[in-house]
């Protein structure tokens, strides 16, 4: 199983039903979203997915889930930017964790530790493959982050230290 990093920048897309999706996960255990994957075609059903919020602070990992289908093409999501409707690649992702990006993120700053150095955390497009060793560490640190008490001191206690 491979792991991929998907991106969201609120300056480029507003995600109007984000809080409804967070509630859907709380009620049903997951929500399915179509997500752009740029030029990536190797993503497969069952691959791991992480979502990073980019743009203005706060930035960081805000979601995890599983790819729920193969890559497909459809009209590009950014209708304002394209006078001629272009095609884009997508995958369906079952997000099983989706955090409120204004109050609860795995901070971008934590991804600067040496264990994460082999990954570009601000890629130009969604669908970047996460190297296996980095994905393993992210899985461990993400699990610790999600089970932490809600009051924390801002320091990441990775399982590798």
Protein backbone atom coordinates (compact mmCIF):
# COMPACT_ATOMS: atom_id res chain seq x y z
CA UNK A 1 0.00 0.00 0.00
CA UNK A 2 1.29 3.43 -0.94
CA UNK A 3 0.54 6.72 0.82
CA UNK A 4 -0.27 10.00 -0.89
CA UNK A 5 -0.43 13.63 0.15
CA UNK A 6 -3.40 15.64 -1.03
CA UNK A 7 -3.55 19.41 -0.65
CA UNK A 8 -6.15 22.02 0.20
CA UNK A 9 -5.63 25.76 0.05
CA UNK A 10 -8.67 27.77 1.20
CA UNK A 11 -7.53 30.71 -0.96
CA UNK A 12 -8.13 28.55 -4.04
CA UNK A 13 -11.26 26.63 -2.95
CA UNK A 14 -13.61 27.50 -0.10
CA UNK A 15 -14.88 23.96 0.81
CA UNK A 16 -18.36 25.23 1.71
CA UNK A 17 -19.56 22.03 3.41
CA UNK A 18 -16.39 21.30 5.42
CA UNK A 19 -18.13 21.39 8.81
CA UNK A 20 -20.95 19.18 7.49
CA UNK A 21 -18.28 16.68 6.39
CA UNK A 22 -16.66 16.75 9.84
CA UNK A 23 -20.09 15.98 11.36
CA UNK A 24 -20.67 13.22 8.80
CA UNK A 25 -17.50 11.48 9.97
CA UNK A 26 -18.57 11.79 13.60
CA UNK A 27 -21.93 10.23 12.72
CA UNK A 28 -20.96 7.61 10.12
CA UNK A 29 -17.22 7.02 10.54
CA UNK A 30 -16.20 8.47 7.18
CA UNK A 31 -17.16 10.83 4.38
CA UNK A 32 -16.40 10.34 0.72
CA UNK A 33 -14.94 13.25 -1.22
CA UNK A 34 -13.72 13.55 -4.77
CA UNK A 35 -10.21 14.98 -4.63
CA UNK A 36 -7.95 16.22 -7.40
CA UNK A 37 -4.73 14.31 -7.94
CA UNK A 38 -3.09 16.39 -10.70
CA UNK A 39 -0.92 14.30 -13.04
CA UNK A 40 -0.72 11.32 -10.68
CA UNK A 41 -2.11 8.14 -12.21
CA UNK A 42 -0.57 5.46 -9.96
CA UNK A 43 -2.94 5.93 -7.01
CA UNK A 44 -4.92 2.77 -6.35
CA UNK A 45 -7.94 1.75 -4.32
CA UNK A 46 -6.83 1.10 -0.74
CA UNK A 47 -3.88 3.51 -0.77
CA UNK A 48 -3.50 5.73 2.28
CA UNK A 49 -4.41 9.41 1.96
CA UNK A 50 -3.38 12.42 4.03
CA UNK A 51 -4.63 15.95 3.48
CA UNK A 52 -2.53 19.03 4.26
CA UNK A 53 -3.93 22.53 4.55
CA UNK A 54 -1.66 25.01 2.80
CA UNK A 55 -1.79 28.78 2.31
CA UNK A 56 -2.21 31.04 5.32
CA UNK A 57 -1.59 29.85 8.87
CA UNK A 58 -2.58 27.66 10.46
CA UNK A 59 -1.16 25.04 8.09
CA UNK A 60 -0.71 21.32 8.60
CA UNK A 61 -2.15 17.84 8.25
CA UNK A 62 -5.91 17.96 8.75
CA UNK A 63 -7.25 14.65 7.45
CA UNK A 64 -6.51 11.02 6.79
CA UNK A 65 -8.36 8.32 4.96
CA UNK A 66 -8.25 5.72 2.24
CA UNK A 67 -8.49 5.94 -1.52
CA UNK A 68 -11.86 4.48 -2.50
CA UNK A 69 -11.46 4.14 -6.27
CA UNK A 70 -9.15 4.36 -9.22
CA UNK A 71 -8.04 7.64 -10.83
CA UNK A 72 -10.60 9.09 -13.25
CA UNK A 73 -11.01 12.24 -15.32
CA UNK A 74 -13.75 14.84 -15.10
CA UNK A 75 -14.13 18.56 -15.69
CA UNK A 76 -11.64 20.69 -13.78
CA UNK A 77 -12.90 21.89 -10.38
CA UNK A 78 -11.67 25.46 -10.84
CA UNK A 79 -14.37 26.88 -13.07
CA UNK A 80 -13.32 30.50 -12.45
CA UNK A 81 -9.78 29.97 -13.71
CA UNK A 82 -10.58 28.19 -16.94
CA UNK A 83 -12.55 29.90 -19.68
CA UNK A 84 -12.32 26.67 -21.64
CA UNK A 85 -13.28 23.84 -19.34
CA UNK A 86 -10.27 21.58 -18.98
CA UNK A 87 -10.21 18.06 -17.70
CA UNK A 88 -8.61 17.06 -14.40
CA UNK A 89 -7.74 13.80 -12.63
CA UNK A 90 -9.53 12.79 -9.44
CA UNK A 91 -9.81 10.00 -6.92
CA UNK A 92 -12.54 9.35 -4.40
CA UNK A 93 -11.23 9.40 -0.84
CA UNK A 94 -12.99 8.06 2.25
CA UNK A 95 -11.78 10.49 4.92
CA UNK A 96 -12.02 8.80 8.32
CA UNK A 97 -10.50 11.75 10.18
CA UNK A 98 -11.17 15.37 9.27
CA UNK A 99 -10.11 18.07 11.70
CA UNK A 100 -11.26 21.67 11.95
CA UNK A 101 -8.43 23.50 10.16
CA UNK A 102 -8.82 26.64 12.24
CA UNK A 103 -8.42 24.98 15.62
CA UNK A 104 -6.89 21.52 15.35
CA UNK A 105 -4.11 20.62 12.91
CA UNK A 106 -0.97 18.50 13.00
CA UNK A 107 1.15 21.64 12.56
CA UNK A 108 3.21 22.13 9.43
CA UNK A 109 6.17 23.07 11.63
CA UNK A 110 6.32 19.55 13.03
CA UNK A 111 7.03 18.24 9.54
CA UNK A 112 10.45 19.92 9.53
CA UNK A 113 12.08 17.31 11.76
CA UNK A 114 14.79 15.18 10.09
CA UNK A 115 12.55 12.11 9.86
CA UNK A 116 10.29 14.06 7.48
CA UNK A 117 13.07 15.57 5.35
CA UNK A 118 12.52 13.23 2.37
CA UNK A 119 9.08 14.68 1.62
CA UNK A 120 8.10 17.97 0.05
CA UNK A 121 5.22 19.08 2.31
CA UNK A 122 4.07 21.94 0.13
CA UNK A 123 3.79 20.34 -3.29
CA UNK A 124 2.42 22.27 -6.23
CA UNK A 125 -0.46 19.82 -6.63
CA UNK A 126 -2.34 17.06 -4.87
CA UNK A 127 -1.41 13.43 -5.17
CA UNK A 128 2.27 13.45 -4.24
CA UNK A 129 3.50 10.04 -3.14
CA UNK A 130 4.86 9.95 0.41
CA UNK A 131 8.05 7.83 0.71
CA UNK A 132 7.42 4.62 2.68
CA UNK A 133 9.67 5.47 5.63
CA UNK A 134 8.13 8.94 5.93
CA UNK A 135 4.61 7.50 5.67
CA UNK A 136 5.38 5.00 8.45
CA UNK A 137 6.52 7.77 10.76
CA UNK A 138 3.60 10.00 9.83
CA UNK A 139 1.17 7.17 10.63
CA UNK A 140 2.71 6.76 14.07
CA UNK A 141 2.88 10.47 14.84
CA UNK A 142 -0.63 11.07 13.47
CA UNK A 143 -2.01 8.34 15.75
CA UNK A 144 -0.28 9.91 18.76
CA UNK A 145 -1.54 13.35 17.75
CA UNK A 146 -5.13 12.14 17.40
CA UNK A 147 -5.14 10.46 20.82
CA UNK A 148 -3.44 13.32 22.68
CA UNK A 149 -5.23 15.28 25.37
CA UNK A 150 -6.79 18.39 23.84
CA UNK A 151 -4.45 20.59 25.83
CA UNK A 152 -0.88 20.18 24.65
CA UNK A 153 2.30 22.22 24.76
CA UNK A 154 2.85 22.39 21.01
CA UNK A 155 5.71 19.88 21.06
CA UNK A 156 5.55 16.75 18.97
CA UNK A 157 6.60 13.61 20.79
CA UNK A 158 7.37 11.32 17.88
CA UNK A 159 7.67 7.61 18.38
CA UNK A 160 11.14 7.71 16.81
CA UNK A 161 12.72 9.77 19.57
